[in-house]
Amino acid sequence: MNGVTGQWHPEDVFYEQLMLTNMIKQLISKITNACAVQVVACSNNGALAAVGTVTVQPMIDQVDGDGTRYAHGELYQVPYSRLQGGNNAVIIDPQPGDLGQVIFMSRDSSALRSAALGSGLPSDAQTLGPASFRQYDWADGWYVAPGLNAVPANYVLFNNGKIQVVAVTEIDLTAPTINLNASTGFNVTGATNVNGAKISTAGEVTDALGKILGTHIHGGVTTGSGDTGPPV
């Protein structure tokens, strides 16, 4: 098996300044701060659940002094970030193929991850000591920033005062009360099904023929105590 070529040059050992510079570079290279990655797998699949972990593949290889590339291995059980405050959250779990970024903690975070994953720490949780003396290590990654990905199919778009919500199959809104306030109008395209107990309105209801529900009358009816038939 061929050895790995180092990045020192023969003349570096003859000059104290070059030796010191290379030693500093080698020490800096041991600090892992951030890395571009691709998601290989995710423990969650978009369902309502606590934040999980991802398996990621670093996308930038290592290079030796001859320019030979050496791929990194996959990183397992990397926690990922979610847009969340208290019990309010936007759930968008990473999916295989996503490109993003992993940052690495300055201290061993394994104790914190073990305590928090799956259930979350209580708001009054005490701080934890590092499980070891390692620093800026590949084992302490955190997937934080997706980027360089394809055009989405499901999205919320904010653009010039307009907010657009698009879903490929369905949009569900669930709450005891849902308020829609539209000062200039409320437009519905397509069939509308209402499964509630009643529909109330403070204004008039007009159909496609211009008939107003509140004032619509039937002709050909003799005045008397009887009722009209159903609407026709």
C-alpha atoms as a PDB file:
ATOM      1  CA  MET A   1       0.000   0.000   0.000  1.00  0.00           C
ATOM      2  CA  ASN A   2       1.374   3.399  -0.977  1.00  0.00           C
ATOM      3  CA  GLY A   3       1.956   5.891   1.790  1.00  0.00           C
ATOM      4  CA  VAL A   4       0.276   9.280   2.072  1.00  0.00           C
ATOM      5  CA  THR A   5       2.412  12.174   0.855  1.00  0.00           C
ATOM      6  CA  GLY A   6       2.832  14.945   3.386  1.00  0.00           C
ATOM      7  CA  GLN A   7       2.575  18.654   2.604  1.00  0.00           C
ATOM      8  CA  TRP A   8       6.027  19.630   3.876  1.00  0.00           C
ATOM      9  CA  HIS A   9       8.756  20.369   1.336  1.00  0.00           C
ATOM     10  CA  PRO A  10      12.419  19.318   1.828  1.00  0.00           C
ATOM     11  CA  GLU A  11      13.596  22.914   2.267  1.00  0.00           C
ATOM     12  CA  ASP A  12      11.082  23.492   5.083  1.00  0.00           C
ATOM     13  CA  VAL A  13      13.277  21.669   7.604  1.00  0.00           C
ATOM     14  CA  PHE A  14      16.205  24.048   7.005  1.00  0.00           C
ATOM     15  CA  TYR A  15      14.390  27.261   7.877  1.00  0.00           C
ATOM     16  CA  GLU A  16      13.040  27.813  11.362  1.00  0.00           C
ATOM     17  CA  GLN A  17      10.342  30.186  10.118  1.00  0.00           C
ATOM     18  CA  LEU A  18       9.033  27.662   7.570  1.00  0.00           C
ATOM     19  CA  MET A  19       9.093  24.886  10.176  1.00  0.00           C
ATOM     20  CA  LEU A  20       7.122  27.024  12.620  1.00  0.00           C
ATOM     21  CA  THR A  21       4.649  28.071   9.892  1.00  0.00           C
ATOM     22  CA  ASN A  22       4.032  24.464   8.883  1.00  0.00           C
ATOM     23  CA  MET A  23       3.599  23.373  12.489  1.00  0.00           C
ATOM     24  CA  ILE A  24       0.981  26.090  13.005  1.00  0.00           C
ATOM     25  CA  LYS A  25      -0.801  25.058   9.783  1.00  0.00           C
ATOM     26  CA  GLN A  26      -0.885  21.435  10.951  1.00  0.00           C
ATOM     27  CA  LEU A  27      -2.364  22.426  14.314  1.00  0.00           C
ATOM     28  CA  ILE A  28      -4.996  24.601  12.636  1.00  0.00           C
ATOM     29  CA  SER A  29      -5.912  21.757  10.265  1.00  0.00           C
ATOM     30  CA  LYS A  30      -6.894  19.628  13.258  1.00  0.00           C
ATOM     31  CA  ILE A  31      -9.666  22.111  14.166  1.00  0.00           C
ATOM     32  CA  THR A  32     -12.965  21.044  12.617  1.00  0.00           C
ATOM     33  CA  ASN A  33     -15.410  23.963  12.489  1.00  0.00           C
ATOM     34  CA  ALA A  34     -17.836  23.473   9.572  1.00  0.00           C
ATOM     35  CA  CYS A  35     -18.258  21.121   6.644  1.00  0.00           C
ATOM     36  CA  ALA A  36     -20.471  20.845   3.545  1.00  0.00           C
ATOM     37  CA  VAL A  37     -22.392  17.548   3.637  1.00  0.00           C
ATOM     38  CA  GLN A  38     -25.111  15.548   1.903  1.00  0.00           C
ATOM     39  CA  VAL A  39     -27.841  13.835   3.908  1.00  0.00           C
ATOM     40  CA  VAL A  40     -27.759  10.041   3.573  1.00  0.00           C
ATOM     41  CA  ALA A  41     -30.583   9.178   6.002  1.00  0.00           C
ATOM     42  CA  CYS A  42     -32.825  10.795   8.619  1.00  0.00           C
ATOM     43  CA  SER A  43     -34.371   9.201  11.711  1.00  0.00           C
ATOM     44  CA  ASN A  44     -37.637  11.164  11.160  1.00  0.00           C
ATOM     45  CA  ASN A  45     -39.910  11.124   8.112  1.00  0.00           C
ATOM     46  CA  GLY A  46     -41.961  14.328   8.403  1.00  0.00           C
ATOM     47  CA  ALA A  47     -44.407  13.093  11.036  1.00  0.00           C
ATOM     48  CA  LEU A  48     -45.074  14.913  14.320  1.00  0.00           C
ATOM     49  CA  ALA A  49     -42.084  13.930  16.478  1.00  0.00           C
ATOM     50  CA  ALA A  50     -39.202  15.335  18.486  1.00  0.00           C
ATOM     51  CA  VAL A  51     -36.075  16.405  16.608  1.00  0.00           C
ATOM     52  CA  GLY A  52     -34.025  13.407  15.461  1.00  0.00           C
ATOM     53  CA  THR A  53     -30.664  12.798  13.823  1.00  0.00           C
ATOM     54  CA  VAL A  54     -29.203  12.433  10.351  1.00  0.00           C
ATOM     55  CA  THR A  55     -26.442  10.422   8.727  1.00  0.00           C
ATOM     56  CA  VAL A  56     -24.383  12.681   6.465  1.00  0.00           C
ATOM     57  CA  GLN A  57     -21.532  12.338   3.985  1.00  0.00           C
ATOM     58  CA  PRO A  58     -18.907  15.143   3.962  1.00  0.00           C
ATOM     59  CA  MET A  59     -18.695  16.462   0.399  1.00  0.00           C
ATOM     60  CA  ILE A  60     -15.166  17.945   0.381  1.00  0.00           C
ATOM     61  CA  ASP A  61     -12.393  15.332   0.342  1.00  0.00           C
ATOM     62  CA  GLN A  62      -9.059  15.487   2.124  1.00  0.00           C
ATOM     63  CA  VAL A  63      -5.985  16.054  -0.073  1.00  0.00           C
ATOM     64  CA  ASP A  64      -2.370  15.033   0.531  1.00  0.00           C
ATOM     65  CA  GLY A  65       0.792  16.765  -0.676  1.00  0.00           C
ATOM     66  CA  ASP A  66       0.529  15.168  -4.128  1.00  0.00           C
ATOM     67  CA  GLY A  67      -3.092  16.223  -4.563  1.00  0.00           C
ATOM     68  CA  THR A  68      -4.445  12.709  -4.003  1.00  0.00           C
ATOM     69  CA  ARG A  69      -7.997  12.809  -2.678  1.00  0.00           C
ATOM     70  CA  TYR A  70      -9.200  10.804   0.323  1.00  0.00           C
ATOM     71  CA  ALA A  71     -12.936  10.724   0.986  1.00  0.00           C
ATOM     72  CA  HIS A  72     -14.269  11.112   4.518  1.00  0.00           C
ATOM     73  CA  GLY A  73     -16.438   8.427   6.023  1.00  0.00           C
ATOM     74  CA  GLU A  74     -20.087   9.038   6.878  1.00  0.00           C
ATOM     75  CA  LEU A  75     -21.012  10.815  10.124  1.00  0.00           C
ATOM     76  CA  TYR A  76     -23.738   9.081  12.116  1.00  0.00           C
ATOM     77  CA  GLN A  77     -26.390  10.301  14.588  1.00  0.00           C
ATOM     78  CA  VAL A  78     -25.795  13.982  13.876  1.00  0.00           C
ATOM     79  CA  PRO A  79     -28.514  16.153  15.493  1.00  0.00           C
ATOM     80  CA  TYR A  80     -30.217  18.592  13.144  1.00  0.00           C
ATOM     81  CA  SER A  81     -31.749  22.016  13.749  1.00  0.00           C
ATOM     82  CA  ARG A  82     -35.458  22.807  13.573  1.00  0.00           C
ATOM     83  CA  LEU A  83     -37.185  26.189  13.531  1.00  0.00           C
ATOM     84  CA  GLN A  84     -38.783  25.935  16.973  1.00  0.00           C
ATOM     85  CA  GLY A  85     -39.581  28.056  20.020  1.00  0.00           C
ATOM     86  CA  GLY A  86     -41.084  26.268  23.034  1.00  0.00           C
ATOM     87  CA  ASN A  87     -43.841  23.965  21.769  1.00  0.00           C
ATOM     88  CA  ASN A  88     -44.221  25.932  18.506  1.00  0.00           C
ATOM     89  CA  ALA A  89     -42.382  24.555  15.487  1.00  0.00           C
ATOM     90  CA  VAL A  90     -42.128  24.291  11.727  1.00  0.00           C
ATOM     91  CA  ILE A  91     -41.482  20.610  11.012  1.00  0.00           C
ATOM     92  CA  ILE A  92     -39.341  20.088   7.920  1.00  0.00           C
ATOM     93  CA  ASP A  93     -37.194  17.009   8.417  1.00  0.00           C
ATOM     94  CA  PRO A  94     -34.058  16.601   6.256  1.00  0.00           C
ATOM     95  CA  GLN A  95     -34.361  14.129   3.398  1.00  0.00           C
ATOM     96  CA  PRO A  96     -31.745  11.932   1.691  1.00  0.00           C
ATOM     97  CA  GLY A  97     -29.962  13.909  -1.000  1.00  0.00           C
ATOM     98  CA  ASP A  98     -30.243  17.284   0.755  1.00  0.00           C
ATOM     99  CA  LEU A  99     -27.096  19.387   0.715  1.00  0.00           C
ATOM    100  CA  GLY A 100     -26.280  21.376   3.822  1.00  0.00           C
ATOM    101  CA  GLN A 101     -23.748  22.276   6.466  1.00  0.00           C
ATOM    102  CA  VAL A 102     -22.588  20.684   9.693  1.00  0.00           C
ATOM    103  CA  ILE A 103     -20.921  22.721  12.408  1.00  0.00           C
ATOM    104  CA  PHE A 104     -18.825  21.133  15.143  1.00  0.00           C
ATOM    105  CA  MET A 105     -18.997  21.961  18.838  1.00  0.00           C
ATOM    106  CA  SER A 106     -15.939  23.344  20.591  1.00  0.00           C
ATOM    107  CA  ARG A 107     -16.325  20.709  23.354  1.00  0.00           C
ATOM    108  CA  ASP A 108     -17.529  17.119  23.663  1.00  0.00           C
ATOM    109  CA  SER A 109     -21.335  17.345  23.360  1.00  0.00           C
ATOM    110  CA  SER A 110     -22.194  13.638  23.660  1.00  0.00           C
ATOM    111  CA  ALA A 111     -23.661  13.951  27.171  1.00  0.00           C
ATOM    112  CA  LEU A 112     -25.944  16.789  26.080  1.00  0.00           C
ATOM    113  CA  ARG A 113     -27.102  14.912  22.996  1.00  0.00           C
ATOM    114  CA  SER A 114     -27.825  11.752  24.969  1.00  0.00           C
ATOM    115  CA  ALA A 115     -29.909  13.718  27.475  1.00  0.00           C
ATOM    116  CA  ALA A 116     -31.853  15.747  24.914  1.00  0.00           C
ATOM    117  CA  LEU A 117     -32.487  13.562  21.864  1.00  0.00           C
ATOM    118  CA  GLY A 118     -35.970  12.108  21.659  1.00  0.00           C
ATOM    119  CA  SER A 119     -37.480  14.054  24.554  1.00  0.00           C
ATOM    120  CA  GLY A 120     -35.733  17.402  24.859  1.00  0.00           C
ATOM    121  CA  LEU A 121     -34.290  18.940  28.002  1.00  0.00           C
ATOM    122  CA  PRO A 122     -36.650  20.740  30.418  1.00  0.00           C
ATOM    123  CA  SER A 123     -36.457  24.534  30.411  1.00  0.00           C
ATOM    124  CA  ASP A 124     -34.802  24.506  33.858  1.00  0.00           C
ATOM    125  CA  ALA A 125     -32.209  21.818  32.980  1.00  0.00           C
ATOM    126  CA  GLN A 126     -28.796  22.137  34.605  1.00  0.00           C
ATOM    127  CA  THR A 127     -25.672  22.542  32.481  1.00  0.00           C
ATOM    128  CA  LEU A 128     -23.580  19.463  31.754  1.00  0.00           C
ATOM    129  CA  GLY A 129     -19.858  18.845  31.769  1.00  0.00           C
ATOM    130  CA  PRO A 130     -18.086  17.540  28.646  1.00  0.00           C
ATOM    131  CA  ALA A 131     -17.826  13.742  28.503  1.00  0.00           C
ATOM    132  CA  SER A 132     -14.161  13.982  27.452  1.00  0.00           C
ATOM    133  CA  PHE A 133     -11.422  16.516  26.676  1.00  0.00           C
ATOM    134  CA  ARG A 134     -11.910  16.401  22.898  1.00  0.00           C
ATOM    135  CA  GLN A 135     -12.380  19.726  21.082  1.00  0.00           C
ATOM    136  CA  TYR A 136     -13.678  20.641  17.604  1.00  0.00           C
ATOM    137  CA  ASP A 137     -14.076  16.963  16.796  1.00  0.00           C
ATOM    138  CA  TRP A 138     -15.923  15.242  13.938  1.00  0.00           C
ATOM    139  CA  ALA A 139     -17.951  13.371  16.562  1.00  0.00           C
ATOM    140  CA  ASP A 140     -19.629  16.601  17.746  1.00  0.00           C
ATOM    141  CA  GLY A 141     -21.370  17.685  14.561  1.00  0.00           C
ATOM    142  CA  TRP A 142     -24.713  19.516  14.263  1.00  0.00           C
ATOM    143  CA  TYR A 143     -26.593  19.759  10.936  1.00  0.00           C
ATOM    144  CA  VAL A 144     -27.794  23.356  10.802  1.00  0.00           C
ATOM    145  CA  ALA A 145     -28.104  24.902   7.349  1.00  0.00           C
ATOM    146  CA  PRO A 146     -29.530  23.264   4.216  1.00  0.00           C
ATOM    147  CA  GLY A 147     -28.391  24.917   1.001  1.00  0.00           C
ATOM    148  CA  LEU A 148     -27.663  24.457  -2.726  1.00  0.00           C
ATOM    149  CA  ASN A 149     -30.793  22.338  -3.127  1.00  0.00           C
ATOM    150  CA  ALA A 150     -33.282  21.973  -6.014  1.00  0.00           C
ATOM    151  CA  VAL A 151     -36.472  24.004  -6.611  1.00  0.00           C
ATOM    152  CA  PRO A 152     -39.088  22.835  -4.031  1.00  0.00           C
ATOM    153  CA  ALA A 153     -42.548  21.479  -4.875  1.00  0.00           C
ATOM    154  CA  ASN A 154     -44.143  22.282  -1.478  1.00  0.00           C
ATOM    155  CA  TYR A 155     -43.353  25.745  -0.187  1.00  0.00           C
ATOM    156  CA  VAL A 156     -44.309  28.993   1.532  1.00  0.00           C
ATOM    157  CA  LEU A 157     -43.202  31.918  -0.614  1.00  0.00           C
ATOM    158  CA  PHE A 158     -42.774  35.489   0.691  1.00  0.00           C
ATOM    159  CA  ASN A 159     -42.431  37.995  -2.162  1.00  0.00           C
ATOM    160  CA  ASN A 160     -43.219  41.735  -2.377  1.00  0.00           C
ATOM    161  CA  GLY A 161     -45.999  41.747   0.201  1.00  0.00           C
ATOM    162  CA  LYS A 162     -47.521  38.483  -1.055  1.00  0.00           C
ATOM    163  CA  ILE A 163     -47.457  35.157   0.801  1.00  0.00           C
ATOM    164  CA  GLN A 164     -48.076  32.038  -1.263  1.00  0.00           C
ATOM    165  CA  VAL A 165     -48.660  28.565   0.236  1.00  0.00           C
ATOM    166  CA  VAL A 166     -48.374  25.675  -2.228  1.00  0.00           C
ATOM    167  CA  ALA A 167     -48.791  21.936  -1.604  1.00  0.00           C
ATOM    168  CA  VAL A 168     -48.701  19.093  -4.134  1.00  0.00           C
ATOM    169  CA  THR A 169     -51.605  17.149  -2.607  1.00  0.00           C
ATOM    170  CA  GLU A 170     -53.332  18.764   0.377  1.00  0.00           C
ATOM    171  CA  ILE A 171     -53.281  21.553   2.974  1.00  0.00           C
ATOM    172  CA  ASP A 172     -54.764  20.826   6.425  1.00  0.00           C
ATOM    173  CA  LEU A 173     -55.632  23.555   8.951  1.00  0.00           C
ATOM    174  CA  THR A 174     -56.674  22.277  12.380  1.00  0.00           C
ATOM    175  CA  ALA A 175     -57.761  24.476  15.301  1.00  0.00           C
ATOM    176  CA  PRO A 176     -60.850  25.041  17.504  1.00  0.00           C
ATOM    177  CA  THR A 177     -61.332  28.344  15.656  1.00  0.00           C
ATOM    178  CA  ILE A 178     -59.842  29.506  12.352  1.00  0.00           C
ATOM    179  CA  ASN A 179     -60.235  33.198  11.492  1.00  0.00           C
ATOM    180  CA  LEU A 180     -59.859  34.480   7.927  1.00  0.00           C
ATOM    181  CA  ASN A 181     -59.856  38.274   7.627  1.00  0.00           C
ATOM    182  CA  ALA A 182     -59.976  39.685   4.087  1.00  0.00           C
ATOM    183  CA  SER A 183     -60.907  43.352   3.842  1.00  0.00           C
ATOM    184  CA  THR A 184     -61.434  43.368   0.061  1.00  0.00           C
ATOM    185  CA  GLY A 185     -62.701  39.860  -0.645  1.00  0.00           C
ATOM    186  CA  PHE A 186     -62.337  36.132  -0.189  1.00  0.00           C
ATOM    187  CA  ASN A 187     -62.010  34.037  -3.354  1.00  0.00           C
ATOM    188  CA  VAL A 188     -62.486  30.265  -3.612  1.00  0.00           C
ATOM    189  CA  THR A 189     -61.725  28.350  -6.827  1.00  0.00           C
ATOM    190  CA  GLY A 190     -63.006  24.802  -7.206  1.00  0.00           C
ATOM    191  CA  ALA A 191     -65.625  22.766  -5.375  1.00  0.00           C
ATOM    192  CA  THR A 192     -66.190  23.638  -1.713  1.00  0.00           C
ATOM    193  CA  ASN A 193     -67.360  21.097   0.852  1.00  0.00           C
ATOM    194  CA  VAL A 194     -68.357  22.201   4.347  1.00  0.00           C
ATOM    195  CA  ASN A 195     -68.896  19.476   6.944  1.00  0.00           C
ATOM    196  CA  GLY A 196     -69.678  21.729   9.911  1.00  0.00           C
ATOM    197  CA  ALA A 197     -72.970  22.020  11.793  1.00  0.00           C
ATOM    198  CA  LYS A 198     -73.950  25.380  10.274  1.00  0.00           C
ATOM    199  CA  ILE A 199     -72.841  28.307   8.142  1.00  0.00           C
ATOM    200  CA  SER A 200     -73.492  31.844   9.374  1.00  0.00           C
ATOM    201  CA  THR A 201     -72.882  35.103   7.523  1.00  0.00           C
ATOM    202  CA  ALA A 202     -73.381  38.767   8.373  1.00  0.00           C
ATOM    203  CA  GLY A 203     -73.851  39.616   4.679  1.00  0.00           C
ATOM    204  CA  GLU A 204     -75.755  38.238   1.724  1.00  0.00           C
ATOM    205  CA  VAL A 205     -75.091  34.979  -0.141  1.00  0.00           C
ATOM    206  CA  THR A 206     -75.423  35.269  -3.935  1.00  0.00           C
ATOM    207  CA  ASP A 207     -75.293  32.333  -6.369  1.00  0.00           C
ATOM    208  CA  ALA A 208     -73.926  32.200  -9.915  1.00  0.00           C
ATOM    209  CA  LEU A 209     -77.344  33.270 -11.328  1.00  0.00           C
ATOM    210  CA  GLY A 210     -77.378  36.377  -9.171  1.00  0.00           C
ATOM    211  CA  LYS A 211     -80.037  35.085  -6.788  1.00  0.00           C
ATOM    212  CA  ILE A 212     -79.633  36.350  -3.227  1.00  0.00           C
ATOM    213  CA  LEU A 213     -80.344  33.776  -0.533  1.00  0.00           C
ATOM    214  CA  GLY A 214     -81.875  36.199   1.975  1.00  0.00           C
ATOM    215  CA  THR A 215     -84.332  37.896  -0.431  1.00  0.00           C
ATOM    216  CA  HIS A 216     -84.932  35.203  -3.060  1.00  0.00           C
ATOM    217  CA  ILE A 217     -88.633  34.535  -3.722  1.00  0.00           C
ATOM    218  CA  HIS A 218     -90.614  31.927  -5.680  1.00  0.00           C
ATOM    219  CA  GLY A 219     -93.236  32.910  -8.218  1.00  0.00           C
ATOM    220  CA  GLY A 220     -96.461  31.055  -8.961  1.00  0.00           C
ATOM    221  CA  VAL A 221     -97.404  30.645  -5.301  1.00  0.00           C
ATOM    222  CA  THR A 222    -100.918  31.444  -4.036  1.00  0.00           C
ATOM    223  CA  THR A 223    -100.888  33.554  -0.883  1.00  0.00           C
ATOM    224  CA  GLY A 224    -102.047  31.566   2.134  1.00  0.00           C
ATOM    225  CA  SER A 225    -100.855  29.664   5.164  1.00  0.00           C
ATOM    226  CA  GLY A 226     -98.978  26.941   3.234  1.00  0.00           C
ATOM    227  CA  ASP A 227     -95.203  26.759   2.672  1.00  0.00           C
ATOM    228  CA  THR A 228     -93.400  26.868  -0.671  1.00  0.00           C
ATOM    229  CA  GLY A 229     -91.543  23.879  -2.020  1.00  0.00           C
ATOM    230  CA  PRO A 230     -87.762  23.515  -1.848  1.00  0.00           C
ATOM    231  CA  PRO A 231     -85.543  25.870  -3.888  1.00  0.00           C
ATOM    232  CA  VAL A 232     -85.527  25.183  -7.622  1.00  0.00           C
END
